[in-house]
Amino acid sequence: MQVVIKPGKEASTTAAISSLPSLAREEVTDVIDILVNAISLQEAKEILLGDMVIEGNSFSVSIKENFQFVVAGLLGESEGEDMLMIEVIRYG
């Protein structure tokens, strides 16, 4: 699937990713790679397990540091079958 940053959220998403610890930044990259390579959101959810929640055409993925502390959220919406619009929000 094609993954793009939501219009108007580019600066805040870049700032959020930049401020994350390196392991969390790597996790964001891994999640985006999974989304890009998945055939559907359901396939991505099967890989991400409990870290991904899908509600209608919206979804969220918890970004954790050291596999336990949620430090950010990757929020997105599907636009048709092949396009996802995302943003990253830092918590704390």
C-alpha atoms as a PDB file:
ATOM      1  CA  MET A   1       0.000   0.000   0.000  1.00  0.00           C
ATOM      2  CA  GLN A   2       1.084   3.592  -0.495  1.00  0.00           C
ATOM      3  CA  VAL A   3       1.694   5.425   2.789  1.00  0.00           C
ATOM      4  CA  VAL A   4       1.734   9.243   2.930  1.00  0.00           C
ATOM      5  CA  ILE A   5       1.707  11.746   5.780  1.00  0.00           C
ATOM      6  CA  LYS A   6      -1.649  13.470   6.270  1.00  0.00           C
ATOM      7  CA  PRO A   7      -1.722  16.922   4.645  1.00  0.00           C
ATOM      8  CA  GLY A   8      -0.991  19.583   7.247  1.00  0.00           C
ATOM      9  CA  LYS A   9       0.610  17.073   9.629  1.00  0.00           C
ATOM     10  CA  GLU A  10       4.042  16.869   7.988  1.00  0.00           C
ATOM     11  CA  ALA A  11       5.841  19.212  10.407  1.00  0.00           C
ATOM     12  CA  SER A  12       4.281  17.774  13.572  1.00  0.00           C
ATOM     13  CA  THR A  13       4.906  14.189  12.415  1.00  0.00           C
ATOM     14  CA  THR A  14       8.543  14.947  11.549  1.00  0.00           C
ATOM     15  CA  ALA A  15       9.031  16.685  14.912  1.00  0.00           C
ATOM     16  CA  ALA A  16       7.408  13.785  16.799  1.00  0.00           C
ATOM     17  CA  ILE A  17       9.577  11.183  15.067  1.00  0.00           C
ATOM     18  CA  SER A  18      12.738  13.266  15.558  1.00  0.00           C
ATOM     19  CA  SER A  19      12.091  13.611  19.287  1.00  0.00           C
ATOM     20  CA  LEU A  20      11.647   9.871  19.869  1.00  0.00           C
ATOM     21  CA  PRO A  21      14.407   7.690  21.323  1.00  0.00           C
ATOM     22  CA  SER A  22      16.294   5.790  18.611  1.00  0.00           C
ATOM     23  CA  LEU A  23      14.618   2.427  19.306  1.00  0.00           C
ATOM     24  CA  ALA A  24      11.174   4.007  19.045  1.00  0.00           C
ATOM     25  CA  ARG A  25      12.174   5.734  15.772  1.00  0.00           C
ATOM     26  CA  GLU A  26      13.206   2.332  14.437  1.00  0.00           C
ATOM     27  CA  GLU A  27       9.830   0.936  15.472  1.00  0.00           C
ATOM     28  CA  VAL A  28       8.054   3.716  13.558  1.00  0.00           C
ATOM     29  CA  THR A  29      10.114   2.811  10.493  1.00  0.00           C
ATOM     30  CA  ASP A  30       9.298  -0.884  10.959  1.00  0.00           C
ATOM     31  CA  VAL A  31       5.556  -0.164  11.257  1.00  0.00           C
ATOM     32  CA  ILE A  32       5.609   1.970   8.100  1.00  0.00           C
ATOM     33  CA  ASP A  33       7.477  -0.809   6.264  1.00  0.00           C
ATOM     34  CA  ILE A  34       4.825  -3.310   7.369  1.00  0.00           C
ATOM     35  CA  LEU A  35       2.044  -0.998   6.152  1.00  0.00           C
ATOM     36  CA  VAL A  36       3.762  -0.403   2.803  1.00  0.00           C
ATOM     37  CA  ASN A  37       4.265  -4.126   2.209  1.00  0.00           C
ATOM     38  CA  ALA A  38       0.873  -5.316   3.496  1.00  0.00           C
ATOM     39  CA  ILE A  39      -1.874  -6.194   1.061  1.00  0.00           C
ATOM     40  CA  SER A  40      -4.527  -4.924   3.484  1.00  0.00           C
ATOM     41  CA  LEU A  41      -4.908  -3.368   6.933  1.00  0.00           C
ATOM     42  CA  GLN A  42      -6.051  -6.763   8.196  1.00  0.00           C
ATOM     43  CA  GLU A  43      -2.780  -8.338   7.024  1.00  0.00           C
ATOM     44  CA  ALA A  44      -0.826  -5.564   8.793  1.00  0.00           C
ATOM     45  CA  LYS A  45      -2.859  -6.186  11.975  1.00  0.00           C
ATOM     46  CA  GLU A  46      -1.966  -9.889  11.860  1.00  0.00           C
ATOM     47  CA  ILE A  47       1.718  -8.918  11.881  1.00  0.00           C
ATOM     48  CA  LEU A  48       1.427  -6.128  14.476  1.00  0.00           C
ATOM     49  CA  LEU A  49      -0.950  -8.102  16.732  1.00  0.00           C
ATOM     50  CA  GLY A  50      -2.168  -6.143  19.764  1.00  0.00           C
ATOM     51  CA  ASP A  51      -0.230  -2.997  18.867  1.00  0.00           C
ATOM     52  CA  MET A  52      -2.721  -2.155  16.073  1.00  0.00           C
ATOM     53  CA  VAL A  53      -6.379  -1.239  16.446  1.00  0.00           C
ATOM     54  CA  ILE A  54      -8.655  -0.866  13.415  1.00  0.00           C
ATOM     55  CA  GLU A  55     -11.969   0.996  13.633  1.00  0.00           C
ATOM     56  CA  GLY A  56     -13.719   1.376  10.289  1.00  0.00           C
ATOM     57  CA  ASN A  57     -11.307   3.068   7.908  1.00  0.00           C
ATOM     58  CA  SER A  58      -9.181   4.464  10.780  1.00  0.00           C
ATOM     59  CA  PHE A  59      -6.385   2.694  12.613  1.00  0.00           C
ATOM     60  CA  SER A  60      -3.771   3.304  15.269  1.00  0.00           C
ATOM     61  CA  VAL A  61      -0.511   1.612  16.163  1.00  0.00           C
ATOM     62  CA  SER A  62       1.158   1.929  19.573  1.00  0.00           C
ATOM     63  CA  ILE A  63       4.860   2.759  19.341  1.00  0.00           C
ATOM     64  CA  LYS A  64       6.691   1.349  22.343  1.00  0.00           C
ATOM     65  CA  GLU A  65      10.115   1.854  23.843  1.00  0.00           C
ATOM     66  CA  ASN A  66      11.736  -1.316  25.175  1.00  0.00           C
ATOM     67  CA  PHE A  67       8.573  -3.279  24.266  1.00  0.00           C
ATOM     68  CA  GLN A  68       6.654  -1.886  27.239  1.00  0.00           C
ATOM     69  CA  PHE A  69       6.327   1.914  27.407  1.00  0.00           C
ATOM     70  CA  VAL A  70       4.031   3.508  24.822  1.00  0.00           C
ATOM     71  CA  VAL A  71       5.848   6.670  23.702  1.00  0.00           C
ATOM     72  CA  ALA A  72       3.945   7.530  20.517  1.00  0.00           C
ATOM     73  CA  GLY A  73       1.030   6.631  18.336  1.00  0.00           C
ATOM     74  CA  LEU A  74       0.908   6.199  14.595  1.00  0.00           C
ATOM     75  CA  LEU A  75      -2.601   7.220  13.552  1.00  0.00           C
ATOM     76  CA  GLY A  76      -3.990   6.661  10.102  1.00  0.00           C
ATOM     77  CA  GLU A  77      -6.904   6.399   7.741  1.00  0.00           C
ATOM     78  CA  SER A  78      -7.330   4.330   4.633  1.00  0.00           C
ATOM     79  CA  GLU A  79      -8.131   6.289   1.489  1.00  0.00           C
ATOM     80  CA  GLY A  80      -9.410   3.628  -0.888  1.00  0.00           C
ATOM     81  CA  GLU A  81      -7.790   0.214  -1.005  1.00  0.00           C
ATOM     82  CA  ASP A  82      -4.209   1.204  -1.754  1.00  0.00           C
ATOM     83  CA  MET A  83      -3.586   4.509   0.089  1.00  0.00           C
ATOM     84  CA  LEU A  84      -2.970   5.167   3.777  1.00  0.00           C
ATOM     85  CA  MET A  85      -2.645   8.633   5.293  1.00  0.00           C
ATOM     86  CA  ILE A  86      -0.720   8.669   8.581  1.00  0.00           C
ATOM     87  CA  GLU A  87       0.560  10.942  11.305  1.00  0.00           C
ATOM     88  CA  VAL A  88       2.732  10.287  14.372  1.00  0.00           C
ATOM     89  CA  ILE A  89       1.924  11.785  17.771  1.00  0.00           C
ATOM     90  CA  ARG A  90       4.417  11.709  20.639  1.00  0.00           C
ATOM     91  CA  TYR A  91       3.064  11.045  24.134  1.00  0.00           C
ATOM     92  CA  GLY A  92       4.516  12.561  27.260  1.00  0.00           C
END
